[in-house]
Amino acid sequence: MGLWSAYRLRVRRRARLFRAFRRRRELAVVANRTGRIGKDDILLFSTLRDEHVRLPYFLEYYRELGVDHFLIVDNDSTDGGREYLAGQEDVSLWTTRASYKRARYGVDWLNWLQRRHGHGHWCLTVDPDEFFIYPFCDTRNLRALTDWLDISEIRSFGAMLLDMYPKGRIDAAAYQSGQNPLEIANWFDSGNYTILKNPQLRNLWIQGGPRARCFFPRNPAMAPALNKIPLVKWHRSFAYVSSTHALLPRGLNLVYDEWGGEKASGMLLHAKFLNTFPEKAREELRRRQHFAGSREYKAYGEHLQEDPRLWCQWSEKYINWRQLEILGLMSKGNWA
């Protein structure tokens, strides 16, 4: 990379950090328990709106995985989720009525909180419908993974987003608060993925799966990106650029092996498609706070009105992380 390109990326990173600094004023403290964060605690960051039904299992899942403290931005929820989170002793909570879109879809808010509270910690950034898995997650907690990453001098860990869905109509089974959503949405596409490399930021760009197949069949290049880098040993100079798809400095985006080998990687099991989704999609379409004029939600609305099914004859039923490794969707690399 030339000196001019390196300079431009530094300027871009500083601009992202300055944006985050300015947006901090949009956040009002509901419950600040960050004084309880220990030196080596693993932190989880998330931004959400009206996800109360998902929160009990979400918190339980990540507590059992090994998260020590949750730092959450509530974007003006009205379903009681904010009050529920405020009562959780391992949650620090901020709220805002500001525009999710103008905050770069929540990235500015989380960049500020990560800069303020995440420095020196392993930070996991996920949505309430995303469930992080990694090699040996059935026998080794998150601390085992971060310890290995520290020993290996690896600062970032990639995970592909895997859309999960039920067999039959997505509104056929009612999701109950506290329930594991993967009991309902336990099917996925084992193929139908494309991978490109971003020449500027060097992150991979993955698309495909049921959202490309069902919602963007005529133009799969318009489908949402599935590449994510959710787990990072944070430094106050880091910044997410586009959701968790890419970071600056750009070396953090090299979560793959460029020379034909394999690096360890994980998955984010994406349990978006439950019976709660059609109403959520209609609400987000009305709000128009998502990328590209909520193009994705327009496609959801059109397809789900015609046929609320994502399952097809090539769908695979989820078993465990080893199944995903065999299918080539994730890798344990040299972590034995």
C-alpha atoms as a PDB file:
ATOM      1  CA  MET A   1       0.000   0.000   0.000  1.00  0.00           C
ATOM      2  CA  GLY A   2       1.381   3.392  -0.987  1.00  0.00           C
ATOM      3  CA  LEU A   3       1.972   6.257   1.417  1.00  0.00           C
ATOM      4  CA  TRP A   4      -0.948   8.244   0.010  1.00  0.00           C
ATOM      5  CA  SER A   5      -3.363   5.321   0.463  1.00  0.00           C
ATOM      6  CA  ALA A   6      -2.122   4.731   4.006  1.00  0.00           C
ATOM      7  CA  TYR A   7      -2.592   8.422   4.801  1.00  0.00           C
ATOM      8  CA  ARG A   8      -6.147   8.413   3.438  1.00  0.00           C
ATOM      9  CA  LEU A   9      -7.067   5.401   5.578  1.00  0.00           C
ATOM     10  CA  ARG A  10      -5.631   7.081   8.677  1.00  0.00           C
ATOM     11  CA  VAL A  11      -7.705  10.173   7.938  1.00  0.00           C
ATOM     12  CA  ARG A  12     -10.776   8.005   7.411  1.00  0.00           C
ATOM     13  CA  ARG A  13     -10.228   6.221  10.736  1.00  0.00           C
ATOM     14  CA  ARG A  14      -9.781   9.486  12.605  1.00  0.00           C
ATOM     15  CA  ALA A  15     -12.948  10.823  10.986  1.00  0.00           C
ATOM     16  CA  ARG A  16     -14.860   7.771  12.238  1.00  0.00           C
ATOM     17  CA  LEU A  17     -13.514   8.287  15.747  1.00  0.00           C
ATOM     18  CA  PHE A  18     -14.401  11.979  15.660  1.00  0.00           C
ATOM     19  CA  ARG A  19     -17.945  11.121  14.520  1.00  0.00           C
ATOM     20  CA  ALA A  20     -18.223   8.715  17.441  1.00  0.00           C
ATOM     21  CA  PHE A  21     -16.979  11.404  19.816  1.00  0.00           C
ATOM     22  CA  ARG A  22     -19.623  13.838  18.574  1.00  0.00           C
ATOM     23  CA  ARG A  23     -22.428  11.255  18.711  1.00  0.00           C
ATOM     24  CA  ARG A  24     -21.680  10.464  22.351  1.00  0.00           C
ATOM     25  CA  ARG A  25     -23.972  13.383  23.237  1.00  0.00           C
ATOM     26  CA  GLU A  26     -26.932  11.457  21.823  1.00  0.00           C
ATOM     27  CA  LEU A  27     -26.548   8.757  24.483  1.00  0.00           C
ATOM     28  CA  ALA A  28     -28.285   9.128  27.833  1.00  0.00           C
ATOM     29  CA  VAL A  29     -27.222   6.842  30.674  1.00  0.00           C
ATOM     30  CA  VAL A  30     -29.888   4.484  32.002  1.00  0.00           C
ATOM     31  CA  ALA A  31     -27.622   2.197  34.062  1.00  0.00           C
ATOM     32  CA  ASN A  32     -23.848   2.657  34.134  1.00  0.00           C
ATOM     33  CA  ARG A  33     -22.188  -0.290  35.842  1.00  0.00           C
ATOM     34  CA  THR A  34     -18.913  -0.045  33.926  1.00  0.00           C
ATOM     35  CA  GLY A  35     -17.082   0.533  37.209  1.00  0.00           C
ATOM     36  CA  ARG A  36     -17.579  -3.170  37.861  1.00  0.00           C
ATOM     37  CA  ILE A  37     -15.690  -4.207  34.702  1.00  0.00           C
ATOM     38  CA  GLY A  38     -12.568  -6.160  35.631  1.00  0.00           C
ATOM     39  CA  LYS A  39      -9.217  -5.788  33.907  1.00  0.00           C
ATOM     40  CA  ASP A  40      -9.544  -9.006  31.882  1.00  0.00           C
ATOM     41  CA  ASP A  41     -13.311  -9.103  31.444  1.00  0.00           C
ATOM     42  CA  ILE A  42     -14.778 -10.054  28.075  1.00  0.00           C
ATOM     43  CA  LEU A  43     -17.281  -7.415  26.940  1.00  0.00           C
ATOM     44  CA  LEU A  44     -20.274  -7.600  24.620  1.00  0.00           C
ATOM     45  CA  PHE A  45     -21.551  -4.541  22.730  1.00  0.00           C
ATOM     46  CA  SER A  46     -24.916  -4.292  21.025  1.00  0.00           C
ATOM     47  CA  THR A  47     -27.481  -1.782  19.814  1.00  0.00           C
ATOM     48  CA  LEU A  48     -31.157  -2.706  19.657  1.00  0.00           C
ATOM     49  CA  ARG A  49     -34.757  -1.565  19.450  1.00  0.00           C
ATOM     50  CA  ASP A  50     -37.874  -3.400  20.662  1.00  0.00           C
ATOM     51  CA  GLU A  51     -36.200  -6.772  21.211  1.00  0.00           C
ATOM     52  CA  HIS A  52     -37.581  -7.560  24.675  1.00  0.00           C
ATOM     53  CA  VAL A  53     -38.830 -11.001  23.657  1.00  0.00           C
ATOM     54  CA  ARG A  54     -35.308 -12.012  22.622  1.00  0.00           C
ATOM     55  CA  LEU A  55     -33.354 -10.576  25.534  1.00  0.00           C
ATOM     56  CA  PRO A  56     -33.685 -13.286  28.235  1.00  0.00           C
ATOM     57  CA  TYR A  57     -32.205 -16.020  26.063  1.00  0.00           C
ATOM     58  CA  PHE A  58     -29.674 -13.668  24.456  1.00  0.00           C
ATOM     59  CA  LEU A  59     -28.227 -12.715  27.840  1.00  0.00           C
ATOM     60  CA  GLU A  60     -28.323 -16.311  29.097  1.00  0.00           C
ATOM     61  CA  TYR A  61     -26.547 -17.606  25.999  1.00  0.00           C
ATOM     62  CA  TYR A  62     -23.668 -15.144  26.191  1.00  0.00           C
ATOM     63  CA  ARG A  63     -23.299 -15.406  29.966  1.00  0.00           C
ATOM     64  CA  GLU A  64     -22.846 -19.157  29.612  1.00  0.00           C
ATOM     65  CA  LEU A  65     -20.433 -18.602  26.735  1.00  0.00           C
ATOM     66  CA  GLY A  66     -18.218 -16.426  28.937  1.00  0.00           C
ATOM     67  CA  VAL A  67     -19.205 -12.768  28.502  1.00  0.00           C
ATOM     68  CA  ASP A  68     -18.600 -10.812  31.718  1.00  0.00           C
ATOM     69  CA  HIS A  69     -20.340  -7.509  30.967  1.00  0.00           C
ATOM     70  CA  PHE A  70     -22.846  -6.195  28.413  1.00  0.00           C
ATOM     71  CA  LEU A  71     -22.775  -2.618  27.074  1.00  0.00           C
ATOM     72  CA  ILE A  72     -25.993  -1.920  25.199  1.00  0.00           C
ATOM     73  CA  VAL A  73     -27.525   1.044  23.385  1.00  0.00           C
ATOM     74  CA  ASP A  74     -31.317   1.065  23.328  1.00  0.00           C
ATOM     75  CA  ASN A  75     -32.688   3.039  20.397  1.00  0.00           C
ATOM     76  CA  ASP A  76     -35.977   4.257  21.908  1.00  0.00           C
ATOM     77  CA  SER A  77     -37.635   0.904  22.623  1.00  0.00           C
ATOM     78  CA  THR A  78     -41.285   0.921  23.653  1.00  0.00           C
ATOM     79  CA  ASP A  79     -41.761  -2.796  24.468  1.00  0.00           C
ATOM     80  CA  GLY A  80     -40.314  -2.866  27.990  1.00  0.00           C
ATOM     81  CA  GLY A  81     -36.881  -4.079  26.907  1.00  0.00           C
ATOM     82  CA  ARG A  82     -35.108  -1.002  28.253  1.00  0.00           C
ATOM     83  CA  GLU A  83     -36.596  -1.489  31.713  1.00  0.00           C
ATOM     84  CA  TYR A  84     -35.711  -5.196  31.643  1.00  0.00           C
ATOM     85  CA  LEU A  85     -32.077  -4.492  30.731  1.00  0.00           C
ATOM     86  CA  ALA A  86     -31.779  -1.770  33.368  1.00  0.00           C
ATOM     87  CA  GLY A  87     -32.499  -4.413  35.990  1.00  0.00           C
ATOM     88  CA  GLN A  88     -29.672  -6.738  34.930  1.00  0.00           C
ATOM     89  CA  GLU A  89     -26.617  -6.419  37.174  1.00  0.00           C
ATOM     90  CA  ASP A  90     -24.094  -7.203  34.429  1.00  0.00           C
ATOM     91  CA  VAL A  91     -25.573  -4.740  31.909  1.00  0.00           C
ATOM     92  CA  SER A  92     -24.617  -1.107  31.360  1.00  0.00           C
ATOM     93  CA  LEU A  93     -27.315   0.611  29.335  1.00  0.00           C
ATOM     94  CA  TRP A  94     -27.643   3.815  27.344  1.00  0.00           C
ATOM     95  CA  THR A  95     -30.696   5.048  25.491  1.00  0.00           C
ATOM     96  CA  THR A  96     -31.221   7.436  22.600  1.00  0.00           C
ATOM     97  CA  ARG A  97     -34.028   8.772  20.446  1.00  0.00           C
ATOM     98  CA  ALA A  98     -31.543   9.917  17.808  1.00  0.00           C
ATOM     99  CA  SER A  99     -31.545   8.613  14.247  1.00  0.00           C
ATOM    100  CA  TYR A 100     -30.122   5.119  13.864  1.00  0.00           C
ATOM    101  CA  LYS A 101     -29.390   5.928  10.222  1.00  0.00           C
ATOM    102  CA  ARG A 102     -27.515   9.172  10.969  1.00  0.00           C
ATOM    103  CA  ALA A 103     -25.408   7.316  13.530  1.00  0.00           C
ATOM    104  CA  ARG A 104     -24.274   5.082  10.648  1.00  0.00           C
ATOM    105  CA  TYR A 105     -26.727   2.386  11.721  1.00  0.00           C
ATOM    106  CA  GLY A 106     -25.561   2.487  15.321  1.00  0.00           C
ATOM    107  CA  VAL A 107     -21.850   2.121  14.545  1.00  0.00           C
ATOM    108  CA  ASP A 108     -20.996   5.611  15.836  1.00  0.00           C
ATOM    109  CA  TRP A 109     -22.583   4.891  19.211  1.00  0.00           C
ATOM    110  CA  LEU A 110     -20.784   1.584  19.644  1.00  0.00           C
ATOM    111  CA  ASN A 111     -17.449   2.987  18.412  1.00  0.00           C
ATOM    112  CA  TRP A 112     -17.702   5.578  21.192  1.00  0.00           C
ATOM    113  CA  LEU A 113     -18.520   3.020  23.885  1.00  0.00           C
ATOM    114  CA  GLN A 114     -15.753   0.719  22.683  1.00  0.00           C
ATOM    115  CA  ARG A 115     -13.273   3.589  22.710  1.00  0.00           C
ATOM    116  CA  ARG A 116     -14.404   4.640  26.184  1.00  0.00           C
ATOM    117  CA  HIS A 117     -14.779   1.221  27.841  1.00  0.00           C
ATOM    118  CA  GLY A 118     -13.361  -1.463  25.544  1.00  0.00           C
ATOM    119  CA  HIS A 119      -9.660  -0.517  25.430  1.00  0.00           C
ATOM    120  CA  GLY A 120      -7.537  -3.557  26.291  1.00  0.00           C
ATOM    121  CA  HIS A 121     -10.506  -5.929  26.411  1.00  0.00           C
ATOM    122  CA  TRP A 122     -11.704  -8.636  24.073  1.00  0.00           C
ATOM    123  CA  CYS A 123     -14.925  -7.134  22.701  1.00  0.00           C
ATOM    124  CA  LEU A 124     -17.710  -9.083  21.030  1.00  0.00           C
ATOM    125  CA  THR A 125     -20.126  -6.997  18.941  1.00  0.00           C
ATOM    126  CA  VAL A 126     -23.373  -8.732  17.965  1.00  0.00           C
ATOM    127  CA  ASP A 127     -27.076  -8.103  17.424  1.00  0.00           C
ATOM    128  CA  PRO A 128     -29.732  -9.708  19.681  1.00  0.00           C
ATOM    129  CA  ASP A 129     -30.565 -12.239  16.951  1.00  0.00           C
ATOM    130  CA  GLU A 130     -26.934 -13.345  16.420  1.00  0.00           C
ATOM    131  CA  PHE A 131     -25.395 -16.281  18.297  1.00  0.00           C
ATOM    132  CA  PHE A 132     -21.626 -16.613  18.121  1.00  0.00           C
ATOM    133  CA  ILE A 133     -20.118 -20.086  17.783  1.00  0.00           C
ATOM    134  CA  TYR A 134     -16.503 -21.090  17.204  1.00  0.00           C
ATOM    135  CA  PRO A 135     -14.401 -24.282  17.094  1.00  0.00           C
ATOM    136  CA  PHE A 136     -14.818 -26.369  20.264  1.00  0.00           C
ATOM    137  CA  CYS A 137     -17.490 -24.008  21.647  1.00  0.00           C
ATOM    138  CA  ASP A 138     -19.286 -27.073  23.008  1.00  0.00           C
ATOM    139  CA  THR A 139     -16.342 -27.857  25.333  1.00  0.00           C
ATOM    140  CA  ARG A 140     -14.335 -24.606  25.598  1.00  0.00           C
ATOM    141  CA  ASN A 141     -15.696 -21.271  26.749  1.00  0.00           C
ATOM    142  CA  LEU A 142     -14.976 -17.901  25.190  1.00  0.00           C
ATOM    143  CA  ARG A 143     -12.026 -17.321  27.547  1.00  0.00           C
ATOM    144  CA  ALA A 144     -10.275 -20.354  26.064  1.00  0.00           C
ATOM    145  CA  LEU A 145     -10.633 -18.843  22.592  1.00  0.00           C
ATOM    146  CA  THR A 146      -9.413 -15.384  23.600  1.00  0.00           C
ATOM    147  CA  ASP A 147      -6.478 -16.867  25.553  1.00  0.00           C
ATOM    148  CA  TRP A 148      -5.440 -18.794  22.440  1.00  0.00           C
ATOM    149  CA  LEU A 149      -5.816 -15.688  20.289  1.00  0.00           C
ATOM    150  CA  ASP A 150      -3.651 -13.738  22.750  1.00  0.00           C
ATOM    151  CA  ILE A 151      -0.947 -16.405  22.726  1.00  0.00           C
ATOM    152  CA  SER A 152      -1.089 -16.489  18.913  1.00  0.00           C
ATOM    153  CA  GLU A 153      -0.888 -12.659  18.788  1.00  0.00           C
ATOM    154  CA  ILE A 154      -4.147 -12.487  16.824  1.00  0.00           C
ATOM    155  CA  ARG A 155      -6.213  -9.342  17.450  1.00  0.00           C
ATOM    156  CA  SER A 156      -9.383 -10.072  15.465  1.00  0.00           C
ATOM    157  CA  PHE A 157     -11.517 -13.130  14.755  1.00  0.00           C
ATOM    158  CA  GLY A 158     -13.871 -13.484  11.806  1.00  0.00           C
ATOM    159  CA  ALA A 159     -17.273 -15.137  11.612  1.00  0.00           C
ATOM    160  CA  MET A 160     -19.663 -15.631   8.733  1.00  0.00           C
ATOM    161  CA  LEU A 161     -23.313 -14.782   9.320  1.00  0.00           C
ATOM    162  CA  LEU A 162     -25.419 -17.895   8.740  1.00  0.00           C
ATOM    163  CA  ASP A 163     -29.123 -17.216   8.237  1.00  0.00           C
ATOM    164  CA  MET A 164     -31.228 -19.740  10.137  1.00  0.00           C
ATOM    165  CA  TYR A 165     -34.889 -20.440   9.348  1.00  0.00           C
ATOM    166  CA  PRO A 166     -37.647 -22.948  10.139  1.00  0.00           C
ATOM    167  CA  LYS A 167     -39.009 -25.652   7.878  1.00  0.00           C
ATOM    168  CA  GLY A 168     -42.309 -24.344   6.578  1.00  0.00           C
ATOM    169  CA  ARG A 169     -43.774 -20.904   7.169  1.00  0.00           C
ATOM    170  CA  ILE A 170     -41.642 -18.648   9.340  1.00  0.00           C
ATOM    171  CA  ASP A 171     -44.792 -17.566  11.211  1.00  0.00           C
ATOM    172  CA  ALA A 172     -46.016 -21.093  11.925  1.00  0.00           C
ATOM    173  CA  ALA A 173     -44.465 -21.471  15.405  1.00  0.00           C
ATOM    174  CA  ALA A 174     -44.745 -18.755  18.042  1.00  0.00           C
ATOM    175  CA  TYR A 175     -41.441 -17.825  19.668  1.00  0.00           C
ATOM    176  CA  GLN A 176     -41.634 -17.556  23.452  1.00  0.00           C
ATOM    177  CA  SER A 177     -39.466 -15.277  25.583  1.00  0.00           C
ATOM    178  CA  GLY A 178     -36.541 -17.231  27.058  1.00  0.00           C
ATOM    179  CA  GLN A 179     -36.714 -19.921  24.399  1.00  0.00           C
ATOM    180  CA  ASN A 180     -33.700 -20.902  22.314  1.00  0.00           C
ATOM    181  CA  PRO A 181     -34.687 -19.531  18.868  1.00  0.00           C
ATOM    182  CA  LEU A 182     -32.677 -22.296  17.213  1.00  0.00           C
ATOM    183  CA  GLU A 183     -35.296 -24.757  18.411  1.00  0.00           C
ATOM    184  CA  ILE A 184     -37.523 -23.172  15.753  1.00  0.00           C
ATOM    185  CA  ALA A 185     -35.090 -21.730  13.195  1.00  0.00           C
ATOM    186  CA  ASN A 186     -32.738 -24.692  12.789  1.00  0.00           C
ATOM    187  CA  TRP A 187     -32.233 -24.942   9.014  1.00  0.00           C
ATOM    188  CA  PHE A 188     -29.686 -23.173   6.811  1.00  0.00           C
ATOM    189  CA  ASP A 189     -28.227 -23.042   3.288  1.00  0.00           C
ATOM    190  CA  SER A 190     -25.047 -25.107   3.070  1.00  0.00           C
ATOM    191  CA  GLY A 191     -24.004 -23.574  -0.259  1.00  0.00           C
ATOM    192  CA  ASN A 192     -24.968 -20.711  -2.551  1.00  0.00           C
ATOM    193  CA  TYR A 193     -22.285 -18.306  -1.258  1.00  0.00           C
ATOM    194  CA  THR A 194     -19.939 -15.981  -3.148  1.00  0.00           C
ATOM    195  CA  ILE A 195     -16.748 -14.434  -1.779  1.00  0.00           C
ATOM    196  CA  LEU A 196     -14.942 -11.336  -3.021  1.00  0.00           C
ATOM    197  CA  LYS A 197     -12.079  -9.345  -1.548  1.00  0.00           C
ATOM    198  CA  ASN A 198     -12.322  -5.621  -0.926  1.00  0.00           C
ATOM    199  CA  PRO A 199      -9.074  -4.266  -2.443  1.00  0.00           C
ATOM    200  CA  GLN A 200      -9.050  -1.159  -0.265  1.00  0.00           C
ATOM    201  CA  LEU A 201      -9.888  -2.488   3.200  1.00  0.00           C
ATOM    202  CA  ARG A 202      -8.831  -6.090   2.417  1.00  0.00           C
ATOM    203  CA  ASN A 203     -11.869  -7.593   4.122  1.00  0.00           C
ATOM    204  CA  LEU A 204     -13.769 -10.429   2.492  1.00  0.00           C
ATOM    205  CA  TRP A 205     -17.250  -9.733   1.111  1.00  0.00           C
ATOM    206  CA  ILE A 206     -19.576 -12.738   1.397  1.00  0.00           C
ATOM    207  CA  GLN A 207     -23.110 -12.900   0.019  1.00  0.00           C
ATOM    208  CA  GLY A 208     -25.663 -15.606  -0.607  1.00  0.00           C
ATOM    209  CA  GLY A 209     -27.804 -17.941   1.446  1.00  0.00           C
ATOM    210  CA  PRO A 210     -31.590 -17.694   1.723  1.00  0.00           C
ATOM    211  CA  ARG A 211     -31.686 -13.893   1.584  1.00  0.00           C
ATOM    212  CA  ALA A 212     -29.991 -13.873  -1.826  1.00  0.00           C
ATOM    213  CA  ARG A 213     -31.956 -16.916  -2.957  1.00  0.00           C
ATOM    214  CA  CYS A 214     -35.406 -15.718  -1.871  1.00  0.00           C
ATOM    215  CA  PHE A 215     -35.304 -11.932  -1.566  1.00  0.00           C
ATOM    216  CA  PHE A 216     -32.822 -10.981  -4.298  1.00  0.00           C
ATOM    217  CA  PRO A 217     -33.040 -13.851  -6.817  1.00  0.00           C
ATOM    218  CA  ARG A 218     -32.716 -11.572  -9.850  1.00  0.00           C
ATOM    219  CA  ASN A 219     -29.872  -9.520  -8.442  1.00  0.00           C
ATOM    220  CA  PRO A 220     -27.980 -11.477  -5.761  1.00  0.00           C
ATOM    221  CA  ALA A 221     -25.256  -8.810  -5.715  1.00  0.00           C
ATOM    222  CA  MET A 222     -27.780  -6.619  -3.863  1.00  0.00           C
ATOM    223  CA  ALA A 223     -28.143  -9.169  -1.053  1.00  0.00           C
ATOM    224  CA  PRO A 224     -26.841  -8.290   2.441  1.00  0.00           C
ATOM    225  CA  ALA A 225     -23.208  -8.948   3.331  1.00  0.00           C
ATOM    226  CA  LEU A 226     -22.575 -11.986   5.512  1.00  0.00           C
ATOM    227  CA  ASN A 227     -18.930 -11.338   6.446  1.00  0.00           C
ATOM    228  CA  LYS A 228     -18.354 -10.102   9.993  1.00  0.00           C
ATOM    229  CA  ILE A 229     -15.484  -9.517  12.414  1.00  0.00           C
ATOM    230  CA  PRO A 230     -17.334  -9.594  15.726  1.00  0.00           C
ATOM    231  CA  LEU A 231     -14.488 -10.412  18.146  1.00  0.00           C
ATOM    232  CA  VAL A 232     -11.636  -7.913  18.537  1.00  0.00           C
ATOM    233  CA  LYS A 233      -8.962  -7.213  21.166  1.00  0.00           C
ATOM    234  CA  TRP A 234      -9.914  -3.566  21.285  1.00  0.00           C
ATOM    235  CA  HIS A 235      -7.655  -0.543  21.225  1.00  0.00           C
ATOM    236  CA  ARG A 236      -9.009   2.994  21.576  1.00  0.00           C
ATOM    237  CA  SER A 237      -7.622   3.830  18.127  1.00  0.00           C
ATOM    238  CA  PHE A 238      -9.740   1.142  16.383  1.00  0.00           C
ATOM    239  CA  ALA A 239     -13.023   1.845  14.611  1.00  0.00           C
ATOM    240  CA  TYR A 240     -15.654  -0.195  12.847  1.00  0.00           C
ATOM    241  CA  VAL A 241     -16.290   1.217   9.380  1.00  0.00           C
ATOM    242  CA  SER A 242     -19.426  -0.571   8.208  1.00  0.00           C
ATOM    243  CA  SER A 243     -21.357  -2.471  10.863  1.00  0.00           C
ATOM    244  CA  THR A 244     -18.957  -5.247  11.885  1.00  0.00           C
ATOM    245  CA  HIS A 245     -18.069  -5.997   8.252  1.00  0.00           C
ATOM    246  CA  ALA A 246     -14.766  -4.084   8.317  1.00  0.00           C
ATOM    247  CA  LEU A 247     -12.451  -2.202  10.675  1.00  0.00           C
ATOM    248  CA  LEU A 248      -9.655   0.302  10.618  1.00  0.00           C
ATOM    249  CA  PRO A 249      -6.700  -0.144  10.820  1.00  0.00           C
ATOM    250  CA  ARG A 250      -7.280  -2.451   7.898  1.00  0.00           C
ATOM    251  CA  GLY A 251      -4.865  -5.120   9.168  1.00  0.00           C
ATOM    252  CA  LEU A 252      -7.659  -6.196  11.516  1.00  0.00           C
ATOM    253  CA  ASN A 253      -9.639  -7.341   8.474  1.00  0.00           C
ATOM    254  CA  LEU A 254      -7.130 -10.098   7.623  1.00  0.00           C
ATOM    255  CA  VAL A 255      -9.077 -12.816   9.388  1.00  0.00           C
ATOM    256  CA  TYR A 256      -8.323 -15.246   6.552  1.00  0.00           C
ATOM    257  CA  ASP A 257      -5.162 -16.835   5.143  1.00  0.00           C
ATOM    258  CA  GLU A 258      -3.976 -15.232   1.901  1.00  0.00           C
ATOM    259  CA  TRP A 259      -1.594 -18.078   1.048  1.00  0.00           C
ATOM    260  CA  GLY A 260      -3.939 -21.018   0.693  1.00  0.00           C
ATOM    261  CA  GLY A 261      -4.087 -22.195   4.304  1.00  0.00           C
ATOM    262  CA  GLU A 262      -6.887 -21.798   6.806  1.00  0.00           C
ATOM    263  CA  LYS A 263      -7.251 -19.527   9.803  1.00  0.00           C
ATOM    264  CA  ALA A 264      -9.595 -20.417  12.616  1.00  0.00           C
ATOM    265  CA  SER A 265     -12.990 -18.803  12.151  1.00  0.00           C
ATOM    266  CA  GLY A 266     -16.444 -18.862  13.663  1.00  0.00           C
ATOM    267  CA  MET A 267     -20.061 -18.357  12.737  1.00  0.00           C
ATOM    268  CA  LEU A 268     -22.887 -16.089  13.790  1.00  0.00           C
ATOM    269  CA  LEU A 269     -26.076 -18.126  13.747  1.00  0.00           C
ATOM    270  CA  HIS A 270     -28.603 -15.519  12.630  1.00  0.00           C
ATOM    271  CA  ALA A 271     -32.029 -16.307  14.087  1.00  0.00           C
ATOM    272  CA  LYS A 272     -33.857 -13.374  12.482  1.00  0.00           C
ATOM    273  CA  PHE A 273     -36.567 -15.385  10.763  1.00  0.00           C
ATOM    274  CA  LEU A 274     -39.076 -16.203  13.495  1.00  0.00           C
ATOM    275  CA  ASN A 275     -42.806 -15.460  13.667  1.00  0.00           C
ATOM    276  CA  THR A 276     -41.912 -12.038  15.107  1.00  0.00           C
ATOM    277  CA  PHE A 277     -40.119 -11.034  11.908  1.00  0.00           C
ATOM    278  CA  PRO A 278     -42.934  -9.993   9.519  1.00  0.00           C
ATOM    279  CA  GLU A 279     -44.215  -7.315  11.927  1.00  0.00           C
ATOM    280  CA  LYS A 280     -40.631  -6.230  12.663  1.00  0.00           C
ATOM    281  CA  ALA A 281     -40.002  -5.885   8.925  1.00  0.00           C
ATOM    282  CA  ARG A 282     -43.135  -3.770   8.472  1.00  0.00           C
ATOM    283  CA  GLU A 283     -42.084  -1.491  11.323  1.00  0.00           C
ATOM    284  CA  GLU A 284     -38.559  -1.015   9.970  1.00  0.00           C
ATOM    285  CA  LEU A 285     -39.939  -0.312   6.517  1.00  0.00           C
ATOM    286  CA  ARG A 286     -42.086   2.451   7.998  1.00  0.00           C
ATOM    287  CA  ARG A 287     -39.137   3.914   9.929  1.00  0.00           C
ATOM    288  CA  ARG A 288     -36.732   3.813   6.946  1.00  0.00           C
ATOM    289  CA  GLN A 289     -33.688   3.829   9.199  1.00  0.00           C
ATOM    290  CA  HIS A 290     -31.764   1.092   7.403  1.00  0.00           C
ATOM    291  CA  PHE A 291     -29.211   1.028   4.616  1.00  0.00           C
ATOM    292  CA  ALA A 292     -30.069   2.162   1.062  1.00  0.00           C
ATOM    293  CA  GLY A 293     -33.538   3.429   1.898  1.00  0.00           C
ATOM    294  CA  SER A 294     -34.385   0.147   3.673  1.00  0.00           C
ATOM    295  CA  ARG A 295     -34.002  -1.719   0.374  1.00  0.00           C
ATOM    296  CA  GLU A 296     -33.544  -4.983   2.234  1.00  0.00           C
ATOM    297  CA  TYR A 297     -36.800  -4.543   4.144  1.00  0.00           C
ATOM    298  CA  LYS A 298     -38.700  -3.711   0.980  1.00  0.00           C
ATOM    299  CA  ALA A 299     -37.568  -7.061  -0.426  1.00  0.00           C
ATOM    300  CA  TYR A 300     -38.603  -8.811   2.786  1.00  0.00           C
ATOM    301  CA  GLY A 301     -42.056  -7.281   2.645  1.00  0.00           C
ATOM    302  CA  GLU A 302     -42.652  -8.230  -0.979  1.00  0.00           C
ATOM    303  CA  HIS A 303     -41.521 -11.845  -0.602  1.00  0.00           C
ATOM    304  CA  LEU A 304     -43.114 -12.585   2.759  1.00  0.00           C
ATOM    305  CA  GLN A 305     -46.459 -11.318   1.546  1.00  0.00           C
ATOM    306  CA  GLU A 306     -46.362 -13.872  -1.272  1.00  0.00           C
ATOM    307  CA  ASP A 307     -44.829 -16.855   0.552  1.00  0.00           C
ATOM    308  CA  PRO A 308     -43.344 -16.676   4.083  1.00  0.00           C
ATOM    309  CA  ARG A 309     -41.070 -19.688   3.566  1.00  0.00           C
ATOM    310  CA  LEU A 310     -37.293 -19.910   3.191  1.00  0.00           C
ATOM    311  CA  TRP A 311     -36.844 -23.684   3.411  1.00  0.00           C
ATOM    312  CA  CYS A 312     -36.057 -25.575   0.202  1.00  0.00           C
ATOM    313  CA  GLN A 313     -35.057 -29.113  -0.738  1.00  0.00           C
ATOM    314  CA  TRP A 314     -31.351 -28.266  -0.417  1.00  0.00           C
ATOM    315  CA  SER A 315     -31.644 -26.903   3.117  1.00  0.00           C
ATOM    316  CA  GLU A 316     -29.551 -28.511   5.870  1.00  0.00           C
ATOM    317  CA  LYS A 317     -30.652 -29.009   9.470  1.00  0.00           C
ATOM    318  CA  TYR A 318     -28.190 -27.582  11.983  1.00  0.00           C
ATOM    319  CA  ILE A 319     -26.408 -30.036  14.280  1.00  0.00           C
ATOM    320  CA  ASN A 320     -23.254 -28.397  15.662  1.00  0.00           C
ATOM    321  CA  TRP A 321     -20.084 -26.473  14.763  1.00  0.00           C
ATOM    322  CA  ARG A 322     -18.348 -29.628  13.492  1.00  0.00           C
ATOM    323  CA  GLN A 323     -21.028 -29.997  10.822  1.00  0.00           C
ATOM    324  CA  LEU A 324     -20.287 -26.443   9.660  1.00  0.00           C
ATOM    325  CA  GLU A 325     -16.567 -27.185   9.551  1.00  0.00           C
ATOM    326  CA  ILE A 326     -17.155 -30.275   7.411  1.00  0.00           C
ATOM    327  CA  LEU A 327     -19.252 -28.151   5.045  1.00  0.00           C
ATOM    328  CA  GLY A 328     -16.377 -25.649   4.767  1.00  0.00           C
ATOM    329  CA  LEU A 329     -18.318 -22.767   6.325  1.00  0.00           C
ATOM    330  CA  MET A 330     -15.938 -22.347   9.278  1.00  0.00           C
ATOM    331  CA  SER A 331     -12.547 -23.683  10.314  1.00  0.00           C
ATOM    332  CA  LYS A 332     -10.629 -24.610  13.435  1.00  0.00           C
ATOM    333  CA  GLY A 333      -7.381 -23.719  11.636  1.00  0.00           C
ATOM    334  CA  ASN A 334      -4.398 -24.676  13.778  1.00  0.00           C
ATOM    335  CA  TRP A 335      -6.292 -24.468  17.072  1.00  0.00           C
ATOM    336  CA  ALA A 336      -6.218 -28.036  18.305  1.00  0.00           C
END
